[in-house]
Amino acid sequence: MKYALLICNDERFSPTNQELAMDPVHRAWLADLERRGGLVGGARLRPVVDATTVRVREGETLVSDGPFAETKDFVGGVVIVECADLDEAIAIAAGHPGARSGGVEIRPVWE
């Protein structure tokens, strides 16, 4: 089954791509995913300052800067994994460095 892992953290403490690449915890997490053979894809997202939200209300397109929700934790990335079950997805999410300072939301993917 496929799961989307939504990596949620406080952007004020967001490491650079170079810092992530050098982080031993992040590297170990990626190695574990590779060992499991479950990585389908993923992407790190740009900061919320670069976000645009689109809504359509009564036929009118409304565009606003930033995310819809007002919260200090924002989705900073998404990883799609193939797992045997939710328990395995939880184990993978628990190993992500973002789970230590923020959270990792797990959502089953419609197939």
Protein backbone atom coordinates (compact mmCIF):
# COMPACT_ATOMS: atom_id res chain seq x y z
CA MET A 1 0.00 0.00 0.00
CA LYS A 2 1.21 3.52 -0.75
CA TYR A 3 1.38 6.21 1.92
CA ALA A 4 2.18 9.92 1.72
CA LEU A 5 4.35 11.15 4.56
CA LEU A 6 3.78 14.87 5.06
CA ILE A 7 6.83 16.29 6.80
CA CYS A 8 5.68 19.13 9.09
CA ASN A 9 8.09 21.42 10.92
CA ASP A 10 8.55 24.97 12.11
CA GLU A 11 10.14 26.73 9.13
CA ARG A 12 12.14 29.05 11.39
CA PHE A 13 14.39 26.06 12.10
CA SER A 14 14.54 24.56 8.62
CA PRO A 15 17.93 23.16 7.57
CA THR A 16 19.36 23.89 4.15
CA ASN A 17 19.56 21.15 1.52
CA GLN A 18 23.31 20.96 2.14
CA GLU A 19 22.79 20.55 5.90
CA LEU A 20 20.26 17.77 5.27
CA ALA A 21 22.69 16.01 2.94
CA MET A 22 25.35 16.03 5.66
CA ASP A 23 23.03 15.15 8.58
CA PRO A 24 23.82 11.59 9.76
CA VAL A 25 20.26 11.06 11.04
CA HIS A 26 18.74 12.07 7.69
CA ARG A 27 21.26 9.96 5.80
CA ALA A 28 20.47 6.94 8.01
CA TRP A 29 16.75 7.44 7.37
CA LEU A 30 17.33 7.53 3.60
CA ALA A 31 19.50 4.40 3.84
CA ASP A 32 16.71 2.63 5.73
CA LEU A 33 14.21 3.57 3.02
CA GLU A 34 16.58 2.28 0.36
CA ARG A 35 17.05 -0.97 2.29
CA ARG A 36 13.28 -1.41 2.51
CA GLY A 37 12.90 -0.67 -1.20
CA GLY A 38 9.83 1.41 -0.44
CA LEU A 39 10.68 4.88 -1.70
CA VAL A 40 8.31 5.85 -4.50
CA GLY A 41 9.18 9.56 -4.66
CA GLY A 42 9.28 12.78 -2.76
CA ALA A 43 10.13 16.43 -2.77
CA ARG A 44 11.14 19.13 -0.37
CA LEU A 45 8.88 22.16 -0.59
CA ARG A 46 9.94 25.79 -0.77
CA PRO A 47 9.07 28.00 2.25
CA VAL A 48 5.50 29.16 2.79
CA VAL A 49 6.51 32.69 1.85
CA ASP A 50 6.62 31.33 -1.72
CA ALA A 51 3.21 29.64 -1.47
CA THR A 52 0.04 30.67 -3.27
CA THR A 53 -3.42 29.44 -2.29
CA VAL A 54 -6.25 29.23 -4.84
CA ARG A 55 -9.93 28.93 -3.95
CA VAL A 56 -12.99 29.16 -6.16
CA ARG A 57 -16.11 30.56 -4.49
CA GLU A 58 -19.34 31.08 -6.42
CA GLY A 59 -17.44 30.96 -9.71
CA GLU A 60 -14.82 33.52 -8.64
CA THR A 61 -11.15 32.53 -8.42
CA LEU A 62 -9.56 33.90 -5.27
CA VAL A 63 -5.77 33.92 -5.04
CA SER A 64 -3.85 34.69 -1.86
CA ASP A 65 -0.24 34.57 -0.78
CA GLY A 66 0.83 31.90 1.65
CA PRO A 67 -0.81 28.79 3.00
CA PHE A 68 -4.45 28.42 3.94
CA ALA A 69 -3.89 27.33 7.55
CA GLU A 70 -2.46 29.61 10.22
CA THR A 71 -0.04 27.50 12.20
CA LYS A 72 3.64 27.51 13.08
CA ASP A 73 4.13 24.01 11.62
CA PHE A 74 3.92 23.78 7.85
CA VAL A 75 4.28 20.96 5.36
CA GLY A 76 7.89 21.25 4.25
CA GLY A 77 8.05 18.11 2.17
CA VAL A 78 6.26 14.99 1.06
CA VAL A 79 7.57 11.46 0.66
CA ILE A 80 5.60 8.66 -1.01
CA VAL A 81 6.44 5.20 0.29
CA GLU A 82 5.28 1.69 -0.56
CA CYS A 83 4.70 -0.35 2.61
CA ALA A 84 3.23 -3.64 3.64
CA ASP A 85 0.90 -1.91 6.11
CA LEU A 86 0.35 1.10 8.36
CA ASP A 87 2.72 -0.30 11.00
CA GLU A 88 5.61 -0.16 8.53
CA ALA A 89 4.62 3.37 7.47
CA ILE A 90 4.65 4.39 11.15
CA ALA A 91 8.12 2.90 11.59
CA ILE A 92 9.41 4.82 8.57
CA ALA A 93 7.78 8.07 9.72
CA ALA A 94 9.17 7.66 13.24
CA GLY A 95 12.68 7.43 11.80
CA HIS A 96 12.41 10.70 9.88
CA PRO A 97 14.41 13.50 11.54
CA GLY A 98 11.40 15.82 11.21
CA ALA A 99 9.45 13.66 13.63
CA ARG A 100 11.84 14.75 16.41
CA SER A 101 11.09 18.46 16.18
CA GLY A 102 7.78 18.58 14.30
CA GLY A 103 5.60 15.79 13.02
CA VAL A 104 5.06 13.42 10.13
CA GLU A 105 1.48 12.97 9.02
CA ILE A 106 0.75 9.66 7.32
CA ARG A 107 -1.99 9.45 4.70
CA PRO A 108 -2.95 6.42 2.63
CA VAL A 109 -2.85 7.16 -1.11
CA TRP A 110 -5.89 6.35 -3.25
CA GLU A 111 -4.94 3.69 -5.75
